[in-house]
Amino acid sequence: MSTYIRYPNYGGRFGFYPDNPSMLKNFIKSVTDLPNKQIEGKGVIVPHAGYPYSGKTLYKTLKALKTFPETIIIIGPNHSGLGQDVAMISEGSWQIMGKSIQINSGLAKSIQQVSRIVQNDYTSHQKEHSIEVILPLLLSIQPEFRLVPIIMRNYHPSVVEDISQAIIFSFQTQSSTPLVIASSDMSHYVSQIEAKRKDEIAFQAIRHLDGKQLLSSVQQEHISMCGSGPVAVAMNIAKSQGATQATLIDYTDSSEETKDTSEVVSYAGFIFH
């Protein structure tokens, strides 16, 4: 068994999330207006900014899920641009909040064998927060699961299709169907009015589970959504599992914290079902 361990890099006082269990509990207690019903989800979109900005949307969306399977695949953007086009951690564990999340190496290696693009690339994961930020709140709801972490820097439709088909094919090797979580923030550093206008264009594609339309809209309308590739993959997989709709659980932007609507980053949580 591999001894590789991915240690946390982005928590703490000046990080994205509180890495102290009692502080995390205090944050969770501060989240109000939780969903009044839960959904049997076949895929999820959640944000990955600092908890004061997007943590409530992240938590509300995860709390809206009725059940969690044995394995969770989290696909996020590669913000640094370092490493492979599609980078996976295929064995070992991810330590965070005093817990050790085991990598589902069987599923990870199956995906890699089928895909022409997915590569083992541990180094690029060390410099990426888009998966790590999700884990503390995910663990607070689902303490036991195995993980397959993937980050993308290339969103070409052929890359999205390759990853989607590799994951769909690899599901055949699993006793239960894994859940795919796509990590993405929405519009970046535009006015609140502009963010809402552009995000609604992206939402139209998301509601139709149309990955190709999402990628096209993001490019044509210059929507600064950082994880359109991961979201397109998650939608393709959800459709293959019979999903027909996407429900918006929560939508907000950074002005809720900063009180400045002239320049915001926006955040959305969706569940595919």
Protein backbone atom coordinates (compact mmCIF):
# COMPACT_ATOMS: atom_id res chain seq x y z
CA MET A 1 0.00 0.00 0.00
CA SER A 2 1.28 3.46 -0.88
CA THR A 3 2.47 5.67 1.97
CA TYR A 4 1.78 8.88 0.05
CA ILE A 5 -0.11 11.39 2.22
CA ARG A 6 -1.61 14.67 1.03
CA TYR A 7 -1.38 17.02 4.01
CA PRO A 8 -3.55 20.16 4.40
CA ASN A 9 -2.11 23.42 3.11
CA TYR A 10 -4.95 25.96 3.07
CA GLY A 11 -6.60 25.95 6.50
CA GLY A 12 -6.02 27.95 9.64
CA ARG A 13 -6.43 31.52 10.75
CA PHE A 14 -5.31 33.02 7.44
CA GLY A 15 -6.52 30.16 5.26
CA PHE A 16 -9.72 29.22 3.48
CA TYR A 17 -11.33 27.31 6.34
CA PRO A 18 -11.05 26.90 10.13
CA ASP A 19 -8.84 23.88 10.78
CA ASN A 20 -9.71 23.80 14.47
CA PRO A 21 -12.63 21.39 15.12
CA SER A 22 -14.32 23.69 17.62
CA MET A 23 -14.07 26.67 15.27
CA LEU A 24 -15.47 24.55 12.46
CA LYS A 25 -18.41 23.59 14.69
CA ASN A 26 -19.01 27.27 15.41
CA PHE A 27 -19.08 27.99 11.69
CA ILE A 28 -21.57 25.19 11.10
CA LYS A 29 -23.82 26.54 13.87
CA SER A 30 -23.81 29.92 12.11
CA VAL A 31 -25.36 28.47 8.93
CA THR A 32 -29.10 29.13 8.90
CA ASP A 33 -31.88 28.45 6.38
CA LEU A 34 -30.79 24.87 5.78
CA PRO A 35 -32.69 22.96 3.06
CA ASN A 36 -36.07 21.71 4.25
CA LYS A 37 -35.83 18.59 2.09
CA GLN A 38 -33.07 16.35 0.87
CA ILE A 39 -32.37 15.08 -2.63
CA GLU A 40 -30.97 11.74 -3.79
CA GLY A 41 -28.25 13.34 -5.86
CA LYS A 42 -26.41 11.96 -8.86
CA GLY A 43 -23.93 14.83 -8.95
CA VAL A 44 -23.18 18.12 -7.22
CA ILE A 45 -21.68 21.56 -7.83
CA VAL A 46 -20.20 23.38 -4.83
CA PRO A 47 -17.93 26.43 -4.43
CA HIS A 48 -14.43 26.48 -2.95
CA ALA A 49 -13.70 30.03 -1.75
CA GLY A 50 -12.95 30.96 1.85
CA TYR A 51 -15.68 29.94 4.27
CA PRO A 52 -16.69 33.52 5.16
CA TYR A 53 -17.61 33.95 1.48
CA SER A 54 -18.81 30.60 0.14
CA GLY A 55 -18.84 28.24 3.10
CA LYS A 56 -22.55 28.62 3.74
CA THR A 57 -23.40 27.73 0.15
CA LEU A 58 -21.04 24.76 0.32
CA TYR A 59 -22.58 23.48 3.57
CA LYS A 60 -26.19 24.01 2.52
CA THR A 61 -25.62 22.13 -0.72
CA LEU A 62 -23.95 19.17 0.97
CA LYS A 63 -26.70 19.09 3.61
CA ALA A 64 -29.30 18.88 0.84
CA LEU A 65 -27.94 15.48 -0.21
CA LYS A 66 -29.99 12.60 1.13
CA THR A 67 -27.25 9.95 1.07
CA PHE A 68 -23.56 9.58 0.32
CA PRO A 69 -21.97 6.51 -1.32
CA GLU A 70 -18.81 4.71 -0.26
CA THR A 71 -16.65 6.68 -2.71
CA ILE A 72 -16.73 10.36 -3.65
CA ILE A 73 -14.94 11.76 -6.69
CA ILE A 74 -14.13 15.46 -6.39
CA ILE A 75 -13.11 17.26 -9.57
CA GLY A 76 -11.78 20.79 -9.28
CA PRO A 77 -9.94 23.38 -11.34
CA ASN A 78 -6.16 23.67 -11.31
CA HIS A 79 -5.72 27.35 -10.47
CA SER A 80 -1.92 27.32 -10.59
CA GLY A 81 -1.74 25.81 -14.08
CA LEU A 82 1.13 23.60 -12.94
CA GLY A 83 1.46 19.94 -13.81
CA GLN A 84 -0.61 17.72 -16.08
CA ASP A 85 -3.74 18.74 -17.97
CA VAL A 86 -5.71 16.37 -15.73
CA ALA A 87 -4.01 15.40 -12.47
CA MET A 88 -5.11 12.62 -10.14
CA ILE A 89 -3.92 11.26 -6.82
CA SER A 90 -4.33 7.52 -7.39
CA GLU A 91 -3.21 6.01 -4.08
CA GLY A 92 -2.41 6.82 -0.48
CA SER A 93 -4.49 9.09 1.71
CA TRP A 94 -5.55 12.69 2.31
CA GLN A 95 -5.17 13.88 5.90
CA ILE A 96 -7.27 16.77 7.15
CA MET A 97 -9.03 17.80 10.37
CA GLY A 98 -7.25 14.98 12.22
CA LYS A 99 -8.72 12.35 9.90
CA SER A 100 -7.27 10.22 7.13
CA ILE A 101 -9.35 9.83 3.97
CA GLN A 102 -8.24 6.83 1.97
CA ILE A 103 -7.87 7.15 -1.79
CA ASN A 104 -9.95 4.57 -3.70
CA SER A 105 -6.93 3.36 -5.63
CA GLY A 106 -8.86 0.67 -7.51
CA LEU A 107 -11.28 3.18 -9.01
CA ALA A 108 -8.56 5.78 -9.57
CA LYS A 109 -6.35 3.35 -11.46
CA SER A 110 -9.31 2.09 -13.49
CA ILE A 111 -10.09 5.66 -14.58
CA GLN A 112 -6.46 6.24 -15.50
CA GLN A 113 -6.25 3.03 -17.52
CA VAL A 114 -9.31 3.94 -19.60
CA SER A 115 -8.48 7.62 -20.06
CA ARG A 116 -5.93 8.91 -22.55
CA ILE A 117 -5.42 12.07 -20.51
CA VAL A 118 -5.68 11.50 -16.74
CA GLN A 119 -2.23 11.25 -15.15
CA ASN A 120 -0.85 10.69 -11.67
CA ASP A 121 0.45 14.09 -10.57
CA TYR A 122 0.79 14.49 -6.83
CA THR A 123 2.82 17.70 -7.01
CA SER A 124 0.14 19.89 -8.61
CA HIS A 125 -2.35 18.86 -5.92
CA GLN A 126 -0.07 20.33 -3.26
CA LYS A 127 -0.62 23.80 -4.72
CA GLU A 128 -4.39 23.55 -5.26
CA HIS A 129 -7.17 24.43 -2.81
CA SER A 130 -10.30 23.59 -4.82
CA ILE A 131 -10.66 20.09 -3.34
CA GLU A 132 -9.16 20.67 0.11
CA VAL A 133 -11.62 23.45 0.98
CA ILE A 134 -14.59 21.10 0.50
CA LEU A 135 -13.30 18.32 2.75
CA PRO A 136 -13.81 19.72 6.29
CA LEU A 137 -17.53 20.37 5.79
CA LEU A 138 -17.96 17.15 3.82
CA LEU A 139 -16.38 15.19 6.68
CA SER A 140 -18.67 16.91 9.19
CA ILE A 141 -21.65 15.42 7.35
CA GLN A 142 -20.15 12.17 6.04
CA PRO A 143 -17.28 11.08 8.33
CA GLU A 144 -16.40 7.93 6.36
CA PHE A 145 -15.79 7.77 2.62
CA ARG A 146 -13.06 7.00 0.11
CA LEU A 147 -11.85 9.72 -2.22
CA VAL A 148 -10.72 10.12 -5.82
CA PRO A 149 -9.31 13.66 -6.26
CA ILE A 150 -8.91 15.07 -9.76
CA ILE A 151 -7.94 18.57 -10.89
CA MET A 152 -8.16 19.95 -14.42
CA ARG A 153 -6.39 22.77 -16.25
CA ASN A 154 -7.55 21.89 -19.78
CA TYR A 155 -11.29 22.26 -20.50
CA HIS A 156 -11.28 21.39 -24.19
CA PRO A 157 -14.47 19.46 -25.06
CA SER A 158 -12.39 16.42 -26.06
CA VAL A 159 -10.71 16.41 -22.65
CA VAL A 160 -14.06 16.70 -20.88
CA GLU A 161 -15.42 13.82 -22.97
CA ASP A 162 -12.40 11.63 -22.27
CA ILE A 163 -12.65 12.08 -18.50
CA SER A 164 -16.43 11.65 -18.50
CA GLN A 165 -16.32 8.39 -20.42
CA ALA A 166 -13.42 7.01 -18.39
CA ILE A 167 -15.27 7.63 -15.13
CA ILE A 168 -18.57 6.27 -16.48
CA PHE A 169 -16.84 3.10 -17.70
CA SER A 170 -14.96 2.68 -14.42
CA PHE A 171 -18.19 2.79 -12.40
CA GLN A 172 -18.75 -0.77 -13.63
CA THR A 173 -15.97 -1.91 -11.29
CA GLN A 174 -17.68 -0.49 -8.19
CA SER A 175 -20.17 -2.17 -5.86
CA SER A 176 -21.99 1.15 -5.44
CA THR A 177 -22.06 4.16 -7.74
CA PRO A 178 -19.69 6.92 -6.57
CA LEU A 179 -20.85 10.52 -6.23
CA VAL A 180 -19.15 13.15 -8.40
CA ILE A 181 -18.71 16.59 -6.85
CA ALA A 182 -17.62 19.41 -9.15
CA SER A 183 -15.79 22.24 -7.41
CA SER A 184 -16.31 25.67 -8.98
CA ASP A 185 -16.92 29.30 -8.16
CA MET A 186 -18.97 31.35 -10.60
CA SER A 187 -18.20 34.88 -11.89
CA HIS A 188 -15.02 36.56 -10.62
CA TYR A 189 -14.37 40.25 -9.94
CA VAL A 190 -17.26 41.83 -11.78
CA SER A 191 -20.18 43.89 -10.47
CA GLN A 192 -23.00 42.05 -8.76
CA ILE A 193 -25.33 42.97 -11.62
CA GLU A 194 -22.91 41.60 -14.21
CA ALA A 195 -22.30 38.47 -12.16
CA LYS A 196 -26.00 37.69 -11.97
CA ARG A 197 -26.45 38.29 -15.71
CA LYS A 198 -23.55 36.07 -16.75
CA ASP A 199 -24.21 33.40 -14.15
CA GLU A 200 -27.77 33.03 -15.39
CA ILE A 201 -26.40 32.19 -18.84
CA ALA A 202 -24.29 29.44 -17.29
CA PHE A 203 -27.24 28.31 -15.18
CA GLN A 204 -29.35 27.75 -18.30
CA ALA A 205 -26.83 25.18 -19.53
CA ILE A 206 -26.49 23.64 -16.07
CA ARG A 207 -30.27 23.26 -15.67
CA HIS A 208 -30.33 21.38 -18.98
CA LEU A 209 -27.34 19.24 -17.98
CA ASP A 210 -25.68 20.37 -21.19
CA GLY A 211 -21.92 20.27 -20.71
CA LYS A 212 -21.09 21.29 -24.26
CA GLN A 213 -23.39 24.31 -24.03
CA LEU A 214 -21.82 25.32 -20.71
CA LEU A 215 -18.31 25.24 -22.14
CA SER A 216 -19.46 27.16 -25.21
CA SER A 217 -21.34 29.79 -23.18
CA VAL A 218 -18.42 30.35 -20.82
CA GLN A 219 -16.12 30.96 -23.76
CA GLN A 220 -18.46 33.05 -25.90
CA GLU A 221 -19.84 35.19 -23.08
CA HIS A 222 -16.51 35.53 -21.27
CA ILE A 223 -17.91 34.10 -18.05
CA SER A 224 -15.13 33.87 -15.47
CA MET A 225 -16.39 30.62 -13.96
CA CYS A 226 -13.24 28.78 -12.87
CA GLY A 227 -14.57 25.20 -12.89
CA SER A 228 -16.66 24.91 -16.05
CA GLY A 229 -14.66 21.84 -17.11
CA PRO A 230 -15.22 19.93 -13.85
CA VAL A 231 -18.90 20.91 -13.91
CA ALA A 232 -19.29 19.69 -17.51
CA VAL A 233 -17.75 16.34 -16.51
CA ALA A 234 -20.07 16.03 -13.51
CA MET A 235 -23.11 16.79 -15.68
CA ASN A 236 -22.12 14.18 -18.27
CA ILE A 237 -21.77 11.55 -15.58
CA ALA A 238 -25.02 12.53 -13.85
CA LYS A 239 -26.88 12.21 -17.16
CA SER A 240 -25.42 8.74 -17.67
CA GLN A 241 -26.86 7.82 -14.27
CA GLY A 242 -30.34 9.00 -15.23
CA ALA A 243 -30.33 12.58 -13.94
CA THR A 244 -32.74 14.87 -15.78
CA GLN A 245 -32.58 18.11 -13.83
CA ALA A 246 -30.41 20.38 -11.71
CA THR A 247 -31.80 22.04 -8.60
CA LEU A 248 -30.20 25.27 -7.38
CA ILE A 249 -29.75 24.95 -3.62
CA ASP A 250 -28.07 28.28 -2.89
CA TYR A 251 -26.64 31.27 -4.73
CA THR A 252 -24.77 34.19 -3.25
CA ASP A 253 -21.71 36.36 -3.76
CA SER A 254 -18.87 37.90 -1.80
CA SER A 255 -20.73 41.16 -1.15
CA GLU A 256 -22.67 39.39 1.58
CA GLU A 257 -19.39 39.50 3.52
CA THR A 258 -17.64 42.57 2.04
CA LYS A 259 -20.75 44.76 1.48
CA ASP A 260 -19.18 45.86 -1.81
CA THR A 261 -21.36 45.08 -4.84
CA SER A 262 -19.08 46.84 -7.33
CA GLU A 263 -16.76 43.82 -7.55
CA VAL A 264 -17.84 40.37 -6.44
CA VAL A 265 -17.14 36.68 -6.78
CA SER A 266 -20.31 34.60 -6.95
CA TYR A 267 -21.06 31.11 -5.69
CA ALA A 268 -23.69 28.50 -6.51
CA GLY A 269 -24.65 25.09 -5.21
CA PHE A 270 -26.54 22.65 -7.47
CA ILE A 271 -27.63 19.04 -7.15
CA PHE A 272 -28.26 16.88 -10.24
CA HIS A 273 -31.07 14.36 -9.89
